[in-house]
Amino acid sequence: MAVCAILCGAHNWVEVADWCRDRKEWLSERFDWPLEGGTPSHDTFGDLFRVLDARVFEARFRDWISGLAGLIEGGVAMDGKTLRGSGKKGSNELLHMVTAYAVQSGLSLAQEGPCGKDTN
């Protein structure tokens, strides 16, 4: 739940808990979790992540994401955008972003953002 919330823009445990509460039905359906008692509070998320070893979590997260790569089926859509308002006054330089999206699975595979920095 926390990973989904953070990937959707939550910046702290209160926002994570709010995101999960607002999407309780979606989480329950998507992950086959009953959530009869509701979603965890911000304190519960904070307590859990406080005791996790960040290096181990990162390694397992990377393993999980790497494992998804072989599961992608169907087409990959490429989308390019020029970021609105990104130009400097008097300059023709604009910032651009390109995204690769697995259509069938609904996953964003990669993004290449401004200054050639990978935004994944």
Protein backbone atom coordinates (compact mmCIF):
# COMPACT_ATOMS: atom_id res chain seq x y z
CA MET A 1 0.00 0.00 0.00
CA ALA A 2 2.73 2.43 0.97
CA VAL A 3 4.66 1.84 -2.25
CA CYS A 4 1.53 2.52 -4.33
CA ALA A 5 0.80 5.70 -2.39
CA ILE A 6 4.36 6.98 -2.68
CA LEU A 7 4.49 6.22 -6.40
CA CYS A 8 1.26 8.26 -6.71
CA GLY A 9 2.80 11.28 -5.00
CA ALA A 10 2.40 10.83 -1.22
CA HIS A 11 5.27 12.57 0.58
CA ASN A 12 4.77 11.51 4.21
CA TRP A 13 2.98 8.88 6.30
CA VAL A 14 -0.14 11.04 6.76
CA GLU A 15 -0.47 11.36 2.99
CA VAL A 16 0.19 7.61 2.57
CA ALA A 17 -2.54 6.76 5.11
CA ASP A 18 -4.97 9.22 3.49
CA TRP A 19 -4.26 7.84 0.01
CA CYS A 20 -4.86 4.27 1.22
CA ARG A 21 -8.06 5.20 3.07
CA ASP A 22 -9.41 6.99 -0.02
CA ARG A 23 -8.64 3.96 -2.20
CA LYS A 24 -9.57 1.19 0.24
CA GLU A 25 -11.97 -0.46 -2.22
CA TRP A 26 -9.43 -0.36 -5.07
CA LEU A 27 -6.67 -1.79 -2.85
CA SER A 28 -8.98 -4.52 -1.61
CA GLU A 29 -10.00 -5.54 -5.13
CA ARG A 30 -6.59 -5.18 -6.76
CA PHE A 31 -4.60 -7.08 -4.14
CA ASP A 32 -7.35 -9.38 -2.87
CA TRP A 33 -7.06 -8.00 0.66
CA PRO A 34 -10.29 -7.84 2.69
CA LEU A 35 -9.28 -4.69 4.69
CA GLU A 36 -12.33 -5.21 6.88
CA GLY A 37 -10.68 -3.29 9.71
CA GLY A 38 -9.76 -0.42 7.41
CA THR A 39 -6.38 0.69 6.17
CA PRO A 40 -3.38 1.31 8.45
CA SER A 41 -2.93 4.66 10.17
CA HIS A 42 -0.01 6.99 9.53
CA ASP A 43 1.49 5.83 12.85
CA THR A 44 1.37 2.20 11.72
CA PHE A 45 3.14 3.01 8.44
CA GLY A 46 5.76 5.06 10.31
CA ASP A 47 6.33 2.30 12.89
CA LEU A 48 6.68 -0.36 10.20
CA PHE A 49 9.11 1.54 8.00
CA ARG A 50 11.13 2.68 11.02
CA VAL A 51 12.09 -0.94 11.79
CA LEU A 52 12.76 -2.00 8.18
CA ASP A 53 16.36 -2.10 7.02
CA ALA A 54 16.36 0.39 4.13
CA ARG A 55 19.10 -1.46 2.23
CA VAL A 56 17.25 -4.77 2.41
CA PHE A 57 13.98 -3.08 1.41
CA GLU A 58 15.66 -1.43 -1.58
CA ALA A 59 17.26 -4.71 -2.67
CA ARG A 60 13.94 -6.60 -2.48
CA PHE A 61 12.12 -3.76 -4.26
CA ARG A 62 14.69 -3.82 -7.08
CA ASP A 63 14.36 -7.62 -7.33
CA TRP A 64 10.57 -7.29 -7.59
CA ILE A 65 10.75 -4.61 -10.28
CA SER A 66 13.35 -6.59 -12.25
CA GLY A 67 11.07 -9.61 -12.13
CA LEU A 68 8.26 -7.62 -13.73
CA ALA A 69 10.31 -6.93 -16.86
CA GLY A 70 9.78 -10.47 -18.20
CA LEU A 71 6.03 -10.27 -17.59
CA ILE A 72 5.32 -7.37 -19.92
CA GLU A 73 3.09 -8.42 -22.80
CA GLY A 74 1.55 -6.47 -25.63
CA GLY A 75 2.57 -3.14 -27.03
CA VAL A 76 4.68 -0.43 -25.52
CA ALA A 77 3.46 3.13 -26.11
CA MET A 78 5.97 5.95 -26.29
CA ASP A 79 4.82 9.41 -25.29
CA GLY A 80 6.83 12.59 -25.65
CA LYS A 81 5.94 15.94 -24.17
CA THR A 82 7.38 19.41 -24.03
CA LEU A 83 6.96 20.68 -20.49
CA ARG A 84 4.73 23.73 -20.51
CA GLY A 85 6.36 26.88 -19.17
CA SER A 86 9.80 25.26 -19.17
CA GLY A 87 11.49 27.72 -21.50
CA LYS A 88 13.72 30.46 -20.22
CA LYS A 89 12.85 33.98 -21.28
CA GLY A 90 14.69 34.83 -24.47
CA SER A 91 15.74 31.23 -25.10
CA ASN A 92 14.40 28.55 -27.42
CA GLU A 93 15.49 25.78 -25.02
CA LEU A 94 12.54 23.78 -23.68
CA LEU A 95 12.42 20.78 -21.36
CA HIS A 96 11.14 17.51 -22.80
CA MET A 97 10.02 14.22 -21.26
CA VAL A 98 9.60 10.81 -22.89
CA THR A 99 7.72 7.92 -21.27
CA ALA A 100 7.58 4.23 -22.22
CA TYR A 101 4.27 2.69 -21.13
CA ALA A 102 3.24 -1.00 -21.21
CA VAL A 103 -0.32 -0.67 -22.48
CA GLN A 104 -1.72 -4.08 -21.53
CA SER A 105 -0.34 -4.14 -17.98
CA GLY A 106 -0.74 -0.42 -17.32
CA LEU A 107 2.86 0.01 -16.16
CA SER A 108 5.15 2.93 -16.80
CA LEU A 109 8.38 1.22 -17.81
CA ALA A 110 10.69 4.23 -17.94
CA GLN A 111 10.82 7.99 -18.16
CA GLU A 112 13.56 10.16 -19.52
CA GLY A 113 13.28 13.67 -18.24
CA PRO A 114 14.98 17.04 -18.42
CA CYS A 115 18.75 17.18 -18.76
CA GLY A 116 18.82 13.52 -19.76
CA LYS A 117 18.15 12.42 -16.17
CA ASP A 118 16.30 9.15 -15.67
CA THR A 119 13.23 9.90 -13.52
CA ASN A 120 12.58 6.31 -12.39
